[in-house]
Amino acid sequence: MRLAEDIGIDLGTATFLIYTKSRGLVLKEPSVIAMTRDTRQVRAVGEEAYRMLGRTPAGVSVMKPVRDGVIADEDLTEKMISMFLQKVQGGGSRLLGLGGFKPQMMIGIPSNISNVEKRAVARAALNAGARRAYLIEEPLAAAIGAGLNVTDPLGSMVVDIGGGSTDIAVISLGGIVVSESMKVAGDEFDESIMRYVRRKHGVLIGERTAEEIKIKVGAAIIFDESETVTAEIRGRDLQTGLPRTITIDTSNVVEALMEPVGKVLEATKHVLEMTPPELVSDIIDRGLVMTGGGALLRNLDELLRQTTGIPVTVAENAVEAVAIGTGLALDMIPELGDSLISSDSYLRR
């Protein structure tokens, strides 16, 4: 009889990732679930549900149970976690265990979320089959996943730009010294592009199209005209109601993203202003690490370097860093100590 395998989970607004110590990253799919409106019966989850976005009949809804980095619908979140765990079991109950054995789960959460939101995450994990759930703040998990020695008596700084939230933190001795969490991240970037296209061109586009624009032609800043890329996009003309094709280029996306990118830069500067001088000195020496899907926006690292005067590196595994960090943190529970929240004590309060 095989014991359950402990699991690290990045319960992201945009992407749901599962990491196990023995097999590494075993799942990476959109945090989306499709259900029947009346009965709330689940029709699809993950990639299959994402393909249905904007294309469903009247009786079916495609939902994001996690919004702005926190659980918006606890019931749907439990179902999503359970269905993703079932997807990756593969040949028996490799994750959920046999004979009633259940895994421990380490789940990444944004910094500075409320106690009510923390309890919702812990309950969702336990109801989905966990024996015990630990909660770890996402920037700490991202730092571990990016390979930083967070238990050293030295300052490390992480800017984690996910789908629903951006978490900025200075870490030392296994804990977060200063942090800031803001609900401006990848989804807000997409919404800014949608608003820009509507305002400038009178064309309505969907979330998927906006995300594709961001990935294909987007940038935080243009340093040279040779960096400009163009793309044709299709949407609905707001005046005629008919389909229309327009051309958009990198300079348009830079303009569209000016406000949300500016907020990320200001928040990073604010965290540095609150950081003790000794740790700032460490960060100047060691540099700042960017993680999350938003970190992949072209030239954002260079713009952040210019703004702060600190060397900036984008983690090689930027999108997976939090998930990997949650898995590795399962072996670091004694060292991380009070930086973790355990469901055993937390849900009894």
Protein backbone atom coordinates (compact mmCIF):
# COMPACT_ATOMS: atom_id res chain seq x y z
CA MET A 1 0.00 0.00 0.00
CA ARG A 2 1.39 3.32 -1.04
CA LEU A 3 1.20 6.47 1.06
CA ALA A 4 -0.14 9.61 -0.56
CA GLU A 5 2.34 11.91 -2.26
CA ASP A 6 2.64 15.42 -0.81
CA ILE A 7 1.66 18.17 -3.21
CA GLY A 8 2.56 21.79 -3.86
CA ILE A 9 -0.14 23.91 -5.51
CA ASP A 10 -0.07 27.31 -7.15
CA LEU A 11 -3.74 28.27 -7.00
CA GLY A 12 -3.28 31.03 -9.55
CA THR A 13 -5.89 33.37 -10.97
CA ALA A 14 -4.77 32.54 -14.51
CA THR A 15 -2.98 29.20 -14.18
CA PHE A 16 -3.31 26.24 -11.80
CA LEU A 17 -0.09 24.27 -11.25
CA ILE A 18 0.62 21.10 -9.29
CA TYR A 19 4.13 20.06 -8.20
CA THR A 20 5.18 16.84 -6.50
CA LYS A 21 8.59 16.11 -4.99
CA SER A 22 9.09 12.86 -6.87
CA ARG A 23 7.74 13.87 -10.30
CA GLY A 24 8.19 17.64 -10.40
CA LEU A 25 5.60 19.74 -12.23
CA VAL A 26 2.74 17.40 -13.15
CA LEU A 27 -0.01 19.85 -14.17
CA LYS A 28 -0.20 23.34 -15.66
CA GLU A 29 -3.63 24.39 -16.91
CA PRO A 30 -5.84 27.50 -16.94
CA SER A 31 -7.74 28.13 -13.66
CA VAL A 32 -11.07 27.94 -15.44
CA ILE A 33 -14.14 25.78 -14.91
CA ALA A 34 -17.22 25.40 -17.12
CA MET A 35 -20.58 24.54 -15.56
CA THR A 36 -24.28 24.37 -16.29
CA ARG A 37 -25.93 27.57 -15.05
CA ASP A 38 -29.00 26.02 -13.40
CA THR A 39 -27.54 22.91 -11.75
CA ARG A 40 -23.91 24.11 -11.36
CA GLN A 41 -22.83 20.73 -12.73
CA VAL A 42 -19.23 20.88 -13.94
CA ARG A 43 -18.86 20.39 -17.70
CA ALA A 44 -15.12 20.92 -18.12
CA VAL A 45 -12.05 22.19 -16.28
CA GLY A 46 -8.68 23.65 -17.24
CA GLU A 47 -7.62 23.70 -20.90
CA GLU A 48 -10.89 22.23 -22.11
CA ALA A 49 -12.92 24.89 -20.26
CA TYR A 50 -10.59 27.67 -21.47
CA ARG A 51 -11.28 26.73 -25.08
CA MET A 52 -14.98 27.29 -24.33
CA LEU A 53 -14.38 30.88 -23.10
CA GLY A 54 -16.65 33.27 -25.05
CA ARG A 55 -18.12 30.40 -27.07
CA THR A 56 -20.66 28.82 -24.71
CA PRO A 57 -24.42 28.41 -25.29
CA ALA A 58 -26.88 30.23 -23.03
CA GLY A 59 -27.11 27.44 -20.44
CA VAL A 60 -23.36 27.11 -19.81
CA SER A 61 -21.02 29.47 -17.94
CA VAL A 62 -17.24 29.55 -17.95
CA MET A 63 -16.01 30.77 -14.57
CA LYS A 64 -12.75 31.74 -12.90
CA PRO A 65 -13.19 30.57 -9.28
CA VAL A 66 -10.07 32.52 -8.25
CA ARG A 67 -10.18 36.27 -8.86
CA ASP A 68 -7.50 38.84 -8.06
CA GLY A 69 -5.44 36.11 -6.37
CA VAL A 70 -8.16 35.03 -3.90
CA ILE A 71 -11.04 32.57 -3.90
CA ALA A 72 -14.18 34.14 -5.35
CA ASP A 73 -16.27 30.94 -5.28
CA GLU A 74 -15.29 28.42 -2.60
CA ASP A 75 -17.50 25.60 -3.88
CA LEU A 76 -16.18 25.84 -7.45
CA THR A 77 -12.60 26.11 -6.18
CA GLU A 78 -12.98 22.84 -4.25
CA LYS A 79 -14.37 21.16 -7.37
CA MET A 80 -11.52 22.55 -9.49
CA ILE A 81 -8.84 21.33 -7.08
CA SER A 82 -10.44 17.88 -6.88
CA MET A 83 -10.77 17.53 -10.66
CA PHE A 84 -7.19 18.62 -11.30
CA LEU A 85 -5.93 16.12 -8.69
CA GLN A 86 -7.93 13.38 -10.40
CA LYS A 87 -6.38 14.38 -13.74
CA VAL A 88 -2.84 13.77 -12.53
CA GLN A 89 -3.35 10.62 -10.42
CA GLY A 90 -2.33 8.36 -13.28
CA GLY A 91 -2.43 4.65 -12.57
CA GLY A 92 -4.18 4.31 -9.25
CA SER A 93 -4.18 6.90 -6.52
CA ARG A 94 -0.64 8.21 -6.69
CA LEU A 95 -1.56 11.59 -5.24
CA LEU A 96 -4.62 10.94 -3.12
CA GLY A 97 -3.20 7.76 -1.69
CA LEU A 98 -4.66 4.33 -1.00
CA GLY A 99 -6.54 2.99 1.97
CA GLY A 100 -7.63 6.40 3.18
CA PHE A 101 -4.19 8.01 3.22
CA LYS A 102 -4.32 11.66 2.22
CA PRO A 103 -1.56 14.04 1.11
CA GLN A 104 -0.26 17.19 2.71
CA MET A 105 -0.71 20.24 0.50
CA MET A 106 1.36 23.43 0.39
CA ILE A 107 -0.61 26.20 -1.30
CA GLY A 108 0.66 29.61 -2.41
CA ILE A 109 -1.43 32.63 -1.37
CA PRO A 110 -0.95 36.36 -2.10
CA SER A 111 0.59 38.53 0.62
CA ASN A 112 -1.72 40.58 2.80
CA ILE A 113 -4.98 38.71 2.10
CA SER A 114 -7.58 38.63 4.87
CA ASN A 115 -8.06 35.87 7.45
CA VAL A 116 -11.41 35.03 5.86
CA GLU A 117 -9.69 34.48 2.50
CA LYS A 118 -6.95 32.36 4.12
CA ARG A 119 -9.56 30.15 5.79
CA ALA A 120 -11.36 29.74 2.46
CA VAL A 121 -8.15 28.44 0.82
CA ALA A 122 -7.44 26.05 3.73
CA ARG A 123 -11.01 24.70 3.74
CA ALA A 124 -10.98 24.24 -0.03
CA ALA A 125 -7.79 22.14 0.23
CA LEU A 126 -9.11 19.97 3.07
CA ASN A 127 -12.46 19.43 1.37
CA ALA A 128 -10.62 18.46 -1.83
CA GLY A 129 -8.81 15.63 -0.03
CA ALA A 130 -5.80 17.04 1.85
CA ARG A 131 -4.77 15.58 5.21
CA ARG A 132 -3.25 18.91 6.16
CA ALA A 133 -2.89 22.17 4.29
CA TYR A 134 -0.09 24.67 4.68
CA LEU A 135 -0.38 28.17 3.27
CA ILE A 136 2.74 30.00 2.07
CA GLU A 137 2.86 33.55 0.75
CA GLU A 138 3.48 33.54 -2.99
CA PRO A 139 6.56 35.78 -3.08
CA LEU A 140 8.28 33.51 -0.53
CA ALA A 141 7.32 30.43 -2.58
CA ALA A 142 8.46 32.19 -5.77
CA ALA A 143 11.84 32.99 -4.21
CA ILE A 144 12.32 29.35 -3.19
CA GLY A 145 11.23 28.15 -6.64
CA ALA A 146 13.61 30.61 -8.32
CA GLY A 147 16.53 29.11 -6.39
CA LEU A 148 17.15 31.86 -3.81
CA ASN A 149 18.50 30.86 -0.40
CA VAL A 150 15.68 32.42 1.58
CA THR A 151 16.89 31.11 4.95
CA ASP A 152 20.17 33.06 4.74
CA PRO A 153 20.59 36.21 6.90
CA LEU A 154 20.68 38.26 3.68
CA GLY A 155 18.05 40.29 1.88
CA SER A 156 16.41 38.93 -1.28
CA MET A 157 13.74 40.77 -3.25
CA VAL A 158 11.06 39.22 -5.44
CA VAL A 159 8.48 40.83 -7.72
CA ASP A 160 5.90 38.15 -8.54
CA ILE A 161 3.45 39.30 -11.25
CA GLY A 162 0.74 36.68 -11.57
CA GLY A 163 -2.63 36.77 -13.25
CA GLY A 164 -4.68 38.42 -10.52
CA SER A 165 -2.15 39.99 -8.17
CA THR A 166 1.37 41.34 -8.03
CA ASP A 167 3.26 40.47 -4.84
CA ILE A 168 6.45 42.31 -4.00
CA ALA A 169 8.50 41.22 -1.01
CA VAL A 170 11.86 41.49 0.70
CA ILE A 171 12.83 38.19 2.32
CA SER A 172 15.43 37.31 4.95
CA LEU A 173 15.94 34.42 7.41
CA GLY A 174 13.07 32.39 5.94
CA GLY A 175 10.45 35.09 6.31
CA ILE A 176 9.00 38.17 4.65
CA VAL A 177 10.35 41.42 6.12
CA VAL A 178 8.43 43.92 3.96
CA SER A 179 5.77 43.21 1.36
CA GLU A 180 3.03 44.73 -0.73
CA SER A 181 0.27 42.99 -2.67
CA MET A 182 -1.80 44.73 -5.32
CA LYS A 183 -4.61 43.59 -7.59
CA VAL A 184 -2.81 44.82 -10.70
CA ALA A 185 -1.25 42.03 -12.74
CA GLY A 186 -1.70 40.03 -15.94
CA ASP A 187 -5.50 40.20 -16.01
CA GLU A 188 -5.40 43.97 -15.50
CA PHE A 189 -2.88 44.20 -18.38
CA ASP A 190 -5.40 42.34 -20.59
CA GLU A 191 -8.29 44.56 -19.50
CA SER A 192 -6.22 47.69 -20.21
CA ILE A 193 -5.61 46.43 -23.77
CA MET A 194 -9.35 45.73 -24.20
CA ARG A 195 -10.22 49.27 -23.02
CA TYR A 196 -7.57 50.81 -25.28
CA VAL A 197 -8.81 49.01 -28.42
CA ARG A 198 -12.40 49.98 -27.58
CA ARG A 199 -11.49 53.63 -26.99
CA LYS A 200 -9.05 54.12 -29.89
CA HIS A 201 -10.61 51.91 -32.55
CA GLY A 202 -14.24 51.47 -31.48
CA VAL A 203 -13.77 47.70 -31.57
CA LEU A 204 -14.78 45.23 -28.86
CA ILE A 205 -12.38 42.32 -28.27
CA GLY A 206 -12.42 39.48 -25.73
CA GLU A 207 -10.03 38.42 -22.96
CA ARG A 208 -8.33 35.76 -25.08
CA THR A 209 -7.61 38.18 -27.92
CA ALA A 210 -6.23 40.77 -25.48
CA GLU A 211 -3.95 38.16 -23.93
CA GLU A 212 -2.69 37.09 -27.36
CA ILE A 213 -1.90 40.73 -28.21
CA LYS A 214 0.02 41.14 -24.95
CA ILE A 215 2.10 38.02 -25.63
CA LYS A 216 2.74 38.56 -29.35
CA VAL A 217 3.32 42.30 -29.66
CA GLY A 218 3.30 43.63 -26.09
CA ALA A 219 6.12 45.44 -24.28
CA ALA A 220 6.55 47.67 -21.23
CA ILE A 221 8.71 50.12 -23.17
CA ILE A 222 10.33 50.39 -26.63
CA PHE A 223 14.04 51.14 -26.76
CA ASP A 224 14.42 50.88 -30.51
CA GLU A 225 11.96 51.11 -33.42
CA SER A 226 13.23 47.75 -34.65
CA GLU A 227 11.47 46.19 -31.64
CA THR A 228 8.05 47.20 -32.96
CA VAL A 229 5.85 44.30 -34.02
CA THR A 230 2.41 44.51 -35.62
CA ALA A 231 -0.55 42.15 -35.54
CA GLU A 232 -4.01 42.00 -37.07
CA ILE A 233 -6.86 41.42 -34.64
CA ARG A 234 -10.56 40.82 -35.16
CA GLY A 235 -13.39 42.10 -33.04
CA ARG A 236 -16.87 43.61 -33.21
CA ASP A 237 -17.34 47.16 -34.44
CA LEU A 238 -19.27 49.04 -31.77
CA GLN A 239 -21.09 51.24 -34.31
CA THR A 240 -22.15 48.69 -36.90
CA GLY A 241 -22.15 45.57 -34.73
CA LEU A 242 -20.32 43.76 -37.55
CA PRO A 243 -16.92 41.98 -37.48
CA ARG A 244 -13.95 44.22 -38.18
CA THR A 245 -10.19 43.67 -38.54
CA ILE A 246 -7.71 46.25 -37.26
CA THR A 247 -3.92 46.46 -36.99
CA ILE A 248 -2.22 47.10 -33.66
CA ASP A 249 1.50 47.45 -32.94
CA THR A 250 3.86 47.41 -29.97
CA SER A 251 3.71 51.17 -29.41
CA ASN A 252 -0.08 50.89 -29.02
CA VAL A 253 0.30 48.18 -26.37
CA VAL A 254 2.97 50.21 -24.52
CA GLU A 255 0.50 53.09 -24.39
CA ALA A 256 -2.33 50.79 -23.26
CA LEU A 257 -0.21 49.28 -20.45
CA MET A 258 1.30 52.55 -19.22
CA GLU A 259 -1.01 52.86 -16.22
CA PRO A 260 -0.89 49.27 -14.82
CA VAL A 261 2.86 48.95 -15.46
CA GLY A 262 3.38 52.29 -13.72
CA LYS A 263 1.52 50.99 -10.66
CA VAL A 264 3.83 47.95 -10.47
CA LEU A 265 6.90 50.21 -10.68
CA GLU A 266 5.57 52.53 -7.96
CA ALA A 267 4.74 49.62 -5.65
CA THR A 268 8.26 48.21 -6.10
CA LYS A 269 9.78 51.59 -5.20
CA HIS A 270 7.50 51.82 -2.16
CA VAL A 271 8.64 48.42 -0.84
CA LEU A 272 12.28 49.47 -1.27
CA GLU A 273 11.56 52.69 0.66
CA MET A 274 10.21 50.62 3.59
CA THR A 275 13.11 48.14 3.57
CA PRO A 276 15.81 48.37 6.31
CA PRO A 277 19.07 49.84 4.93
CA GLU A 278 21.11 46.68 5.60
CA LEU A 279 18.74 44.62 3.47
CA VAL A 280 18.69 47.26 0.72
CA SER A 281 22.47 46.92 0.57
CA ASP A 282 22.09 43.15 0.10
CA ILE A 283 19.50 43.65 -2.65
CA ILE A 284 21.78 46.07 -4.52
CA ASP A 285 24.49 43.39 -4.44
CA ARG A 286 22.28 40.41 -5.25
CA GLY A 287 19.72 42.06 -7.51
CA LEU A 288 15.97 41.71 -7.75
CA VAL A 289 14.25 38.61 -9.17
CA MET A 290 11.04 38.74 -11.21
CA THR A 291 8.67 35.77 -11.38
CA GLY A 292 5.15 35.07 -12.66
CA GLY A 293 3.73 35.23 -16.16
CA GLY A 294 3.66 39.03 -16.08
CA ALA A 295 7.43 39.09 -15.68
CA LEU A 296 7.68 37.87 -19.28
CA LEU A 297 6.29 41.14 -20.67
CA ARG A 298 9.03 42.35 -23.01
CA ASN A 299 11.43 44.95 -21.56
CA LEU A 300 9.64 45.09 -18.19
CA ASP A 301 12.80 43.89 -16.45
CA GLU A 302 14.88 46.65 -18.05
CA LEU A 303 12.27 49.30 -17.21
CA LEU A 304 12.29 48.11 -13.58
CA ARG A 305 16.09 48.29 -13.53
CA GLN A 306 16.00 51.85 -14.82
CA THR A 307 13.35 52.82 -12.26
CA THR A 308 15.05 51.32 -9.19
CA GLY A 309 18.73 51.37 -10.15
CA ILE A 310 18.98 47.73 -9.03
CA PRO A 311 20.02 44.77 -11.25
CA VAL A 312 16.93 42.81 -12.32
CA THR A 313 16.75 39.16 -13.37
CA VAL A 314 13.76 37.24 -14.72
CA ALA A 315 13.71 33.72 -13.24
CA GLU A 316 14.26 30.97 -15.81
CA ASN A 317 11.13 29.21 -14.57
CA ALA A 318 9.16 32.44 -14.02
CA VAL A 319 5.68 30.98 -14.59
CA GLU A 320 6.31 27.81 -12.57
CA ALA A 321 8.36 29.39 -9.74
CA VAL A 322 5.54 29.58 -7.17
CA ALA A 323 4.42 26.00 -7.83
CA ILE A 324 7.98 24.66 -7.60
CA GLY A 325 8.52 26.71 -4.46
CA THR A 326 5.43 25.28 -2.78
CA GLY A 327 6.67 21.75 -3.49
CA LEU A 328 10.19 22.44 -2.22
CA ALA A 329 8.77 24.18 0.87
CA LEU A 330 7.29 20.85 1.99
CA ASP A 331 10.87 19.86 2.91
CA MET A 332 11.52 23.19 4.64
CA ILE A 333 8.64 23.32 7.13
CA PRO A 334 10.89 23.49 10.25
CA GLU A 335 13.10 26.22 8.72
CA LEU A 336 10.18 28.33 7.48
CA GLY A 337 8.37 28.05 10.82
CA ASP A 338 6.06 30.99 11.47
CA SER A 339 6.11 31.99 7.79
CA LEU A 340 3.69 29.12 7.11
CA ILE A 341 0.06 28.78 8.17
CA SER A 342 -1.12 25.28 9.05
CA SER A 343 -4.77 24.29 8.69
CA ASP A 344 -4.47 22.28 11.93
CA SER A 345 -4.29 25.39 14.08
CA TYR A 346 -5.70 28.02 11.78
CA LEU A 347 -9.15 26.53 11.25
CA ARG A 348 -9.65 26.04 15.01
CA ARG A 349 -9.46 29.77 15.69
